[in-house]
Amino acid sequence: MAEPIIAVRHLSKSFGANVVLRDIDFTVSSGDVTTVIGPSGSGKSTLLRCINLLETPTSGSVIFHDQDVTGRGVDPAAYRSKVGMVFQSFNLFSNMTVLDNCTVGQRKVLKKDAETARKNAIRYLEQVGMAPYINARPRQLSGGQKQRVAIARALAMEPEVLLFDEPTSALDPEMVGEVLSVMRDLARGGMTMIVVTHEMAFARDVSNHVVFMADGVIAEEGLPGELFQDPKNPRTREFLARFREN
C-alpha cells in the first residue's frame, strides 16, 4: 500500500463570518493524482492555499509525513519546497529570464550553487519543452509557455507533491492541451499531484481519486470511473450532467 504523504483532517477556513471550508477530510498517498472538481466558489482554491500554507486554516490540520505543518515551528518555505504549487496566473517573476525563474528558488531555499541550479533547471525545462527559451522574459511567452515554465520552476525544487490551482483556466483554448500534456506525463511518471481543475476529461482519465466540492464541503469523492459514471450525490449528478452528455 502506498505511503500517505498528505492528510487533511477536519480542516475548516473562515474569512470573518464567511465560512469557505467546512470539515474537509481526505488523504493523498505517494503517486496519487487527486483532482478536486466542483462549481466556482466551492472552496477548491482556498483548500489548496491552506494545504500550501498560503492561508492559515481556522481549524483542523494538514499532516505531511506525520507532522502537523499547521502547528508551530514549521518553516513554510522549507515545506513549500516539498509541496510545490503551480498557480492559475503563472506567478513568474517578470524581471527575470526563464532560466532565472527556475534557479532562484533552488539557490535561495535549497542553497544550491549556481551551476547545480542551472543544470537542474535546464533538465526540467527540457522536460516541459521550454529549454529553447531560457533567455526569454515572461512577457515574450504565450500563456501556455508561461505555465510550462511555471511547472518546470516547481519541478526544479524537486518536490514530493505538486499542487495545481486551475492551471489551464487562464489559457486560450488552443494552449490548454500543451499544459495538460505535460501534466499527463508527470502523472505517468509517478508524480504525486493534487489538481483543482475544470478539465473534466483530465479528472476522469488521469486521476485515481476525484473529490467533488460544493458549498465548502466534500459532497462526494471516489474513483473517477465510479464518480463520473454513477454519482450518488444530487449535486454531483447536476454538476456532471453537462459533461456526461458530451
C-alpha atoms as a PDB file:
ATOM      1  CA  MET A   1       0.000   0.000   0.000  1.00  0.00           C
ATOM      2  CA  ALA A   2       1.343   3.450  -0.939  1.00  0.00           C
ATOM      3  CA  GLU A   3       2.626   5.669   1.817  1.00  0.00           C
ATOM      4  CA  PRO A   4       0.323   8.537   2.880  1.00  0.00           C
ATOM      5  CA  ILE A   5       2.075  11.846   2.210  1.00  0.00           C
ATOM      6  CA  ILE A   6      -0.586  14.445   2.983  1.00  0.00           C
ATOM      7  CA  ALA A   7      -3.604  14.031   5.234  1.00  0.00           C
ATOM      8  CA  VAL A   8      -6.124  16.856   5.530  1.00  0.00           C
ATOM      9  CA  ARG A   9      -8.002  16.420   8.792  1.00  0.00           C
ATOM     10  CA  HIS A  10     -11.212  18.278   9.723  1.00  0.00           C
ATOM     11  CA  LEU A  11      -9.953  21.410   8.006  1.00  0.00           C
ATOM     12  CA  SER A  12     -12.144  24.499   8.083  1.00  0.00           C
ATOM     13  CA  LYS A  13     -11.467  28.037   6.901  1.00  0.00           C
ATOM     14  CA  SER A  14     -13.424  31.228   7.505  1.00  0.00           C
ATOM     15  CA  PHE A  15     -12.839  34.782   6.379  1.00  0.00           C
ATOM     16  CA  GLY A  16     -14.646  36.722   9.066  1.00  0.00           C
ATOM     17  CA  ALA A  17     -18.235  35.479   9.086  1.00  0.00           C
ATOM     18  CA  ASN A  18     -17.825  33.826   5.689  1.00  0.00           C
ATOM     19  CA  VAL A  19     -17.211  30.096   6.112  1.00  0.00           C
ATOM     20  CA  VAL A  20     -15.383  28.896   2.972  1.00  0.00           C
ATOM     21  CA  LEU A  21     -14.358  25.353   4.023  1.00  0.00           C
ATOM     22  CA  ARG A  22     -16.111  23.038   6.454  1.00  0.00           C
ATOM     23  CA  ASP A  23     -14.610  19.876   7.932  1.00  0.00           C
ATOM     24  CA  ILE A  24     -12.547  18.821   4.900  1.00  0.00           C
ATOM     25  CA  ASP A  25     -11.012  15.381   5.300  1.00  0.00           C
ATOM     26  CA  PHE A  26      -9.014  13.321   2.785  1.00  0.00           C
ATOM     27  CA  THR A  27      -5.666  11.585   2.315  1.00  0.00           C
ATOM     28  CA  VAL A  28      -3.147  11.682  -0.521  1.00  0.00           C
ATOM     29  CA  SER A  29      -0.691   8.815  -0.909  1.00  0.00           C
ATOM     30  CA  SER A  30       2.533   8.577  -2.879  1.00  0.00           C
ATOM     31  CA  GLY A  31       1.838   8.517  -6.614  1.00  0.00           C
ATOM     32  CA  ASP A  32      -1.789   9.630  -6.288  1.00  0.00           C
ATOM     33  CA  VAL A  33      -3.290  12.085  -8.737  1.00  0.00           C
ATOM     34  CA  THR A  34      -6.173  13.646  -6.821  1.00  0.00           C
ATOM     35  CA  THR A  35      -8.410  16.007  -8.760  1.00  0.00           C
ATOM     36  CA  VAL A  36     -10.669  18.475  -6.958  1.00  0.00           C
ATOM     37  CA  ILE A  37     -13.698  19.482  -9.005  1.00  0.00           C
ATOM     38  CA  GLY A  38     -16.824  21.497  -8.327  1.00  0.00           C
ATOM     39  CA  PRO A  39     -18.585  24.767  -9.125  1.00  0.00           C
ATOM     40  CA  SER A  40     -16.823  28.109  -8.814  1.00  0.00           C
ATOM     41  CA  GLY A  41     -16.891  29.422  -5.265  1.00  0.00           C
ATOM     42  CA  SER A  42     -16.980  25.980  -3.653  1.00  0.00           C
ATOM     43  CA  GLY A  43     -13.666  26.498  -1.827  1.00  0.00           C
ATOM     44  CA  LYS A  44     -11.356  24.474  -4.060  1.00  0.00           C
ATOM     45  CA  SER A  45      -8.602  27.070  -4.442  1.00  0.00           C
ATOM     46  CA  THR A  46      -8.800  28.026  -0.766  1.00  0.00           C
ATOM     47  CA  LEU A  47      -8.272  24.363   0.089  1.00  0.00           C
ATOM     48  CA  LEU A  48      -5.059  24.264  -1.963  1.00  0.00           C
ATOM     49  CA  ARG A  49      -3.866  27.510  -0.387  1.00  0.00           C
ATOM     50  CA  CYS A  50      -4.435  26.023   3.067  1.00  0.00           C
ATOM     51  CA  ILE A  51      -2.533  22.863   2.131  1.00  0.00           C
ATOM     52  CA  ASN A  52       0.380  25.026   0.942  1.00  0.00           C
ATOM     53  CA  LEU A  53       0.183  27.322   3.996  1.00  0.00           C
ATOM     54  CA  LEU A  54      -0.616  30.377   1.886  1.00  0.00           C
ATOM     55  CA  GLU A  55      -3.729  30.568   4.067  1.00  0.00           C
ATOM     56  CA  THR A  56      -3.908  29.541   7.713  1.00  0.00           C
ATOM     57  CA  PRO A  57      -6.754  27.110   8.442  1.00  0.00           C
ATOM     58  CA  THR A  58      -9.256  28.328  11.021  1.00  0.00           C
ATOM     59  CA  SER A  59      -9.368  24.826  12.491  1.00  0.00           C
ATOM     60  CA  GLY A  60      -8.202  21.331  11.643  1.00  0.00           C
ATOM     61  CA  SER A  61      -4.795  20.305  10.387  1.00  0.00           C
ATOM     62  CA  VAL A  62      -2.639  19.409   7.393  1.00  0.00           C
ATOM     63  CA  ILE A  63      -0.388  16.430   8.114  1.00  0.00           C
ATOM     64  CA  PHE A  64       2.736  15.970   5.976  1.00  0.00           C
ATOM     65  CA  HIS A  65       4.589  12.722   6.728  1.00  0.00           C
ATOM     66  CA  ASP A  66       3.031  12.526  10.206  1.00  0.00           C
ATOM     67  CA  GLN A  67       3.896  16.159  11.050  1.00  0.00           C
ATOM     68  CA  ASP A  68       1.184  18.772  11.534  1.00  0.00           C
ATOM     69  CA  VAL A  69       2.507  21.572   9.337  1.00  0.00           C
ATOM     70  CA  THR A  70      -0.130  23.976  10.605  1.00  0.00           C
ATOM     71  CA  GLY A  71       1.449  23.794  14.069  1.00  0.00           C
ATOM     72  CA  ARG A  72       4.230  25.917  15.476  1.00  0.00           C
ATOM     73  CA  GLY A  73       7.855  25.584  14.479  1.00  0.00           C
ATOM     74  CA  VAL A  74       7.243  24.780  10.814  1.00  0.00           C
ATOM     75  CA  ASP A  75       9.278  26.674   8.214  1.00  0.00           C
ATOM     76  CA  PRO A  76       6.752  27.442   5.430  1.00  0.00           C
ATOM     77  CA  ALA A  77       9.454  27.962   2.767  1.00  0.00           C
ATOM     78  CA  ALA A  78      11.089  24.614   3.531  1.00  0.00           C
ATOM     79  CA  TYR A  79       7.684  22.901   3.500  1.00  0.00           C
ATOM     80  CA  ARG A  80       6.729  24.537   0.196  1.00  0.00           C
ATOM     81  CA  SER A  81       9.944  23.247  -1.350  1.00  0.00           C
ATOM     82  CA  LYS A  82       8.479  19.765  -0.734  1.00  0.00           C
ATOM     83  CA  VAL A  83       4.881  20.667  -1.587  1.00  0.00           C
ATOM     84  CA  GLY A  84       5.121  22.928  -4.640  1.00  0.00           C
ATOM     85  CA  MET A  85       2.334  24.893  -6.269  1.00  0.00           C
ATOM     86  CA  VAL A  86       1.508  25.892  -9.833  1.00  0.00           C
ATOM     87  CA  PHE A  87      -0.815  28.871  -9.973  1.00  0.00           C
ATOM     88  CA  GLN A  88      -3.613  29.824 -12.342  1.00  0.00           C
ATOM     89  CA  SER A  89      -1.869  33.117 -13.180  1.00  0.00           C
ATOM     90  CA  PHE A  90       1.661  31.622 -13.553  1.00  0.00           C
ATOM     91  CA  ASN A  91       3.267  33.940 -10.911  1.00  0.00           C
ATOM     92  CA  LEU A  92       6.544  34.153 -12.800  1.00  0.00           C
ATOM     93  CA  PHE A  93       8.977  36.937 -11.953  1.00  0.00           C
ATOM     94  CA  SER A  94       8.570  39.351 -14.876  1.00  0.00           C
ATOM     95  CA  ASN A  95      12.024  40.929 -14.389  1.00  0.00           C
ATOM     96  CA  MET A  96      13.834  37.572 -14.654  1.00  0.00           C
ATOM     97  CA  THR A  97      14.610  35.281 -17.561  1.00  0.00           C
ATOM     98  CA  VAL A  98      13.039  31.850 -17.827  1.00  0.00           C
ATOM     99  CA  LEU A  99      16.255  30.309 -16.516  1.00  0.00           C
ATOM    100  CA  ASP A 100      16.498  32.684 -13.560  1.00  0.00           C
ATOM    101  CA  ASN A 101      12.874  31.992 -12.668  1.00  0.00           C
ATOM    102  CA  CYS A 102      13.789  28.317 -12.403  1.00  0.00           C
ATOM    103  CA  THR A 103      17.008  28.773 -10.406  1.00  0.00           C
ATOM    104  CA  VAL A 104      16.189  31.478  -7.849  1.00  0.00           C
ATOM    105  CA  GLY A 105      14.226  29.175  -5.529  1.00  0.00           C
ATOM    106  CA  GLN A 106      16.857  26.461  -5.706  1.00  0.00           C
ATOM    107  CA  ARG A 107      19.576  28.907  -4.714  1.00  0.00           C
ATOM    108  CA  LYS A 108      17.695  30.808  -2.025  1.00  0.00           C
ATOM    109  CA  VAL A 109      15.707  27.997  -0.400  1.00  0.00           C
ATOM    110  CA  LEU A 110      17.642  24.827  -1.237  1.00  0.00           C
ATOM    111  CA  LYS A 111      21.034  26.637  -1.087  1.00  0.00           C
ATOM    112  CA  LYS A 112      22.242  25.046  -4.318  1.00  0.00           C
ATOM    113  CA  ASP A 113      25.238  26.542  -6.076  1.00  0.00           C
ATOM    114  CA  ALA A 114      24.659  28.398  -9.328  1.00  0.00           C
ATOM    115  CA  GLU A 115      25.900  25.679 -11.669  1.00  0.00           C
ATOM    116  CA  THR A 116      23.933  22.884  -9.983  1.00  0.00           C
ATOM    117  CA  ALA A 117      20.785  25.026 -10.017  1.00  0.00           C
ATOM    118  CA  ARG A 118      21.324  25.849 -13.683  1.00  0.00           C
ATOM    119  CA  LYS A 119      21.761  22.213 -14.743  1.00  0.00           C
ATOM    120  CA  ASN A 120      18.728  21.206 -12.709  1.00  0.00           C
ATOM    121  CA  ALA A 121      16.605  23.993 -14.211  1.00  0.00           C
ATOM    122  CA  ILE A 122      17.585  23.136 -17.784  1.00  0.00           C
ATOM    123  CA  ARG A 123      16.757  19.467 -17.201  1.00  0.00           C
ATOM    124  CA  TYR A 124      13.202  20.334 -16.163  1.00  0.00           C
ATOM    125  CA  LEU A 125      12.798  22.999 -18.845  1.00  0.00           C
ATOM    126  CA  GLU A 126      13.742  20.320 -21.372  1.00  0.00           C
ATOM    127  CA  GLN A 127      11.140  18.024 -19.823  1.00  0.00           C
ATOM    128  CA  VAL A 128       8.363  20.561 -20.456  1.00  0.00           C
ATOM    129  CA  GLY A 129       9.694  21.622 -23.872  1.00  0.00           C
ATOM    130  CA  MET A 130      10.885  25.081 -22.828  1.00  0.00           C
ATOM    131  CA  ALA A 131      14.688  24.741 -22.925  1.00  0.00           C
ATOM    132  CA  PRO A 132      14.996  26.857 -26.117  1.00  0.00           C
ATOM    133  CA  TYR A 133      13.522  29.812 -24.202  1.00  0.00           C
ATOM    134  CA  ILE A 134      15.931  30.022 -21.264  1.00  0.00           C
ATOM    135  CA  ASN A 135      16.897  33.634 -22.039  1.00  0.00           C
ATOM    136  CA  ALA A 136      13.348  34.849 -22.729  1.00  0.00           C
ATOM    137  CA  ARG A 137      11.375  37.052 -20.354  1.00  0.00           C
ATOM    138  CA  PRO A 138       7.818  36.059 -19.381  1.00  0.00           C
ATOM    139  CA  ARG A 139       6.333  38.899 -21.478  1.00  0.00           C
ATOM    140  CA  GLN A 140       7.787  37.230 -24.586  1.00  0.00           C
ATOM    141  CA  LEU A 141       5.969  33.942 -23.952  1.00  0.00           C
ATOM    142  CA  SER A 142       2.458  32.718 -24.660  1.00  0.00           C
ATOM    143  CA  GLY A 143       0.212  31.712 -21.771  1.00  0.00           C
ATOM    144  CA  GLY A 144       0.863  28.027 -22.381  1.00  0.00           C
ATOM    145  CA  GLN A 145       4.603  28.614 -22.439  1.00  0.00           C
ATOM    146  CA  LYS A 146       4.448  30.612 -19.199  1.00  0.00           C
ATOM    147  CA  GLN A 147       2.560  27.815 -17.496  1.00  0.00           C
ATOM    148  CA  ARG A 148       5.058  25.221 -18.697  1.00  0.00           C
ATOM    149  CA  VAL A 149       7.868  27.368 -17.266  1.00  0.00           C
ATOM    150  CA  ALA A 150       5.921  27.622 -14.005  1.00  0.00           C
ATOM    151  CA  ILE A 151       5.682  23.817 -13.911  1.00  0.00           C
ATOM    152  CA  ALA A 152       9.428  23.497 -14.610  1.00  0.00           C
ATOM    153  CA  ARG A 153      10.139  26.005 -11.826  1.00  0.00           C
ATOM    154  CA  ALA A 154       8.075  23.942  -9.390  1.00  0.00           C
ATOM    155  CA  LEU A 155       9.733  20.695 -10.522  1.00  0.00           C
ATOM    156  CA  ALA A 156      13.214  22.208 -10.143  1.00  0.00           C
ATOM    157  CA  MET A 157      12.598  22.332  -6.385  1.00  0.00           C
ATOM    158  CA  GLU A 158      12.196  18.518  -6.631  1.00  0.00           C
ATOM    159  CA  PRO A 159       9.020  18.435  -4.528  1.00  0.00           C
ATOM    160  CA  GLU A 160       7.282  15.337  -3.261  1.00  0.00           C
ATOM    161  CA  VAL A 161       3.862  16.759  -4.129  1.00  0.00           C
ATOM    162  CA  LEU A 162       2.718  19.290  -6.726  1.00  0.00           C
ATOM    163  CA  LEU A 163      -0.443  21.326  -6.249  1.00  0.00           C
ATOM    164  CA  PHE A 164      -2.101  22.765  -9.374  1.00  0.00           C
ATOM    165  CA  ASP A 165      -4.657  25.561  -8.940  1.00  0.00           C
ATOM    166  CA  GLU A 166      -6.745  25.576 -12.129  1.00  0.00           C
ATOM    167  CA  PRO A 167      -3.577  25.593 -14.240  1.00  0.00           C
ATOM    168  CA  THR A 168      -5.389  25.903 -17.576  1.00  0.00           C
ATOM    169  CA  SER A 169      -8.175  28.360 -16.741  1.00  0.00           C
ATOM    170  CA  ALA A 170      -6.186  31.464 -17.756  1.00  0.00           C
ATOM    171  CA  LEU A 171      -5.159  29.957 -21.100  1.00  0.00           C
ATOM    172  CA  ASP A 172      -6.594  30.319 -24.574  1.00  0.00           C
ATOM    173  CA  PRO A 173      -8.300  27.051 -25.604  1.00  0.00           C
ATOM    174  CA  GLU A 174      -5.580  26.105 -28.098  1.00  0.00           C
ATOM    175  CA  MET A 175      -2.948  26.308 -25.332  1.00  0.00           C
ATOM    176  CA  VAL A 176      -4.779  24.135 -22.826  1.00  0.00           C
ATOM    177  CA  GLY A 177      -3.687  20.895 -24.484  1.00  0.00           C
ATOM    178  CA  GLU A 178       0.040  21.590 -24.217  1.00  0.00           C
ATOM    179  CA  VAL A 179      -0.190  22.131 -20.457  1.00  0.00           C
ATOM    180  CA  LEU A 180      -2.435  19.120 -19.875  1.00  0.00           C
ATOM    181  CA  SER A 181       0.011  17.009 -21.891  1.00  0.00           C
ATOM    182  CA  VAL A 182       2.840  17.966 -19.529  1.00  0.00           C
ATOM    183  CA  MET A 183       0.628  17.124 -16.542  1.00  0.00           C
ATOM    184  CA  ARG A 184      -0.304  13.750 -18.024  1.00  0.00           C
ATOM    185  CA  ASP A 185       3.388  12.965 -18.468  1.00  0.00           C
ATOM    186  CA  LEU A 186       4.041  13.889 -14.827  1.00  0.00           C
ATOM    187  CA  ALA A 187       1.212  11.601 -13.716  1.00  0.00           C
ATOM    188  CA  ARG A 188       2.596   8.730 -15.794  1.00  0.00           C
ATOM    189  CA  GLY A 189       5.984   9.352 -14.188  1.00  0.00           C
ATOM    190  CA  GLY A 190       4.530   8.858 -10.713  1.00  0.00           C
ATOM    191  CA  MET A 191       4.412  12.475  -9.519  1.00  0.00           C
ATOM    192  CA  THR A 192       2.025  12.918  -6.590  1.00  0.00           C
ATOM    193  CA  MET A 193      -0.416  15.665  -7.576  1.00  0.00           C
ATOM    194  CA  ILE A 194      -3.466  17.492  -6.238  1.00  0.00           C
ATOM    195  CA  VAL A 195      -5.170  19.292  -9.122  1.00  0.00           C
ATOM    196  CA  VAL A 196      -8.015  21.781  -8.873  1.00  0.00           C
ATOM    197  CA  THR A 197      -9.461  21.768 -12.370  1.00  0.00           C
ATOM    198  CA  HIS A 198     -12.459  22.365 -14.609  1.00  0.00           C
ATOM    199  CA  GLU A 199     -10.996  19.938 -17.156  1.00  0.00           C
ATOM    200  CA  MET A 200     -13.372  17.037 -16.577  1.00  0.00           C
ATOM    201  CA  ALA A 201     -11.750  14.714 -19.119  1.00  0.00           C
ATOM    202  CA  PHE A 202      -8.433  15.104 -17.289  1.00  0.00           C
ATOM    203  CA  ALA A 203     -10.120  14.362 -13.955  1.00  0.00           C
ATOM    204  CA  ARG A 204     -11.827  11.285 -15.384  1.00  0.00           C
ATOM    205  CA  ASP A 205      -8.915   9.881 -17.385  1.00  0.00           C
ATOM    206  CA  VAL A 206      -5.760  10.826 -15.469  1.00  0.00           C
ATOM    207  CA  SER A 207      -6.603  10.960 -11.768  1.00  0.00           C
ATOM    208  CA  ASN A 208      -7.088   7.982  -9.490  1.00  0.00           C
ATOM    209  CA  HIS A 209      -9.109   9.908  -6.886  1.00  0.00           C
ATOM    210  CA  VAL A 210     -11.735  12.594  -7.507  1.00  0.00           C
ATOM    211  CA  VAL A 211     -13.020  14.960  -4.829  1.00  0.00           C
ATOM    212  CA  PHE A 212     -16.228  16.858  -5.649  1.00  0.00           C
ATOM    213  CA  MET A 213     -16.718  20.002  -3.574  1.00  0.00           C
ATOM    214  CA  ALA A 214     -19.827  22.135  -3.226  1.00  0.00           C
ATOM    215  CA  ASP A 215     -20.580  24.931  -0.757  1.00  0.00           C
ATOM    216  CA  GLY A 216     -17.312  24.426   1.096  1.00  0.00           C
ATOM    217  CA  VAL A 217     -17.699  20.718   1.838  1.00  0.00           C
ATOM    218  CA  ILE A 218     -16.706  17.476   0.148  1.00  0.00           C
ATOM    219  CA  ALA A 219     -20.050  16.359  -1.244  1.00  0.00           C
ATOM    220  CA  GLU A 220     -18.667  13.181  -2.799  1.00  0.00           C
ATOM    221  CA  GLU A 221     -15.345  11.514  -3.545  1.00  0.00           C
ATOM    222  CA  GLY A 222     -14.139   8.284  -5.022  1.00  0.00           C
ATOM    223  CA  LEU A 223     -12.648   6.545  -8.023  1.00  0.00           C
ATOM    224  CA  PRO A 224     -13.091   8.563 -11.224  1.00  0.00           C
ATOM    225  CA  GLY A 225     -14.809   5.738 -13.090  1.00  0.00           C
ATOM    226  CA  GLU A 226     -17.429   5.357 -10.365  1.00  0.00           C
ATOM    227  CA  LEU A 227     -17.952   9.042  -9.666  1.00  0.00           C
ATOM    228  CA  PHE A 228     -18.298  10.035 -13.322  1.00  0.00           C
ATOM    229  CA  GLN A 229     -20.445   7.058 -14.318  1.00  0.00           C
ATOM    230  CA  ASP A 230     -22.696   6.781 -11.268  1.00  0.00           C
ATOM    231  CA  PRO A 231     -22.518   9.813  -8.955  1.00  0.00           C
ATOM    232  CA  LYS A 232     -24.529   9.314  -5.764  1.00  0.00           C
ATOM    233  CA  ASN A 233     -24.939  12.906  -4.604  1.00  0.00           C
ATOM    234  CA  PRO A 234     -27.577  15.004  -6.435  1.00  0.00           C
ATOM    235  CA  ARG A 235     -25.160  17.962  -6.544  1.00  0.00           C
ATOM    236  CA  THR A 236     -22.523  15.796  -8.214  1.00  0.00           C
ATOM    237  CA  ARG A 237     -25.048  14.490 -10.742  1.00  0.00           C
ATOM    238  CA  GLU A 238     -26.172  18.014 -11.556  1.00  0.00           C
ATOM    239  CA  PHE A 239     -22.616  19.281 -11.936  1.00  0.00           C
ATOM    240  CA  LEU A 240     -21.502  16.391 -14.158  1.00  0.00           C
ATOM    241  CA  ALA A 241     -24.675  16.196 -16.250  1.00  0.00           C
ATOM    242  CA  ARG A 242     -23.461  18.542 -18.990  1.00  0.00           C
ATOM    243  CA  PHE A 243     -20.086  16.815 -19.249  1.00  0.00           C
ATOM    244  CA  ARG A 244     -21.595  13.327 -19.294  1.00  0.00           C
ATOM    245  CA  GLU A 245     -23.883  14.297 -22.164  1.00  0.00           C
ATOM    246  CA  ASN A 246     -20.913  15.288 -24.356  1.00  0.00           C
END
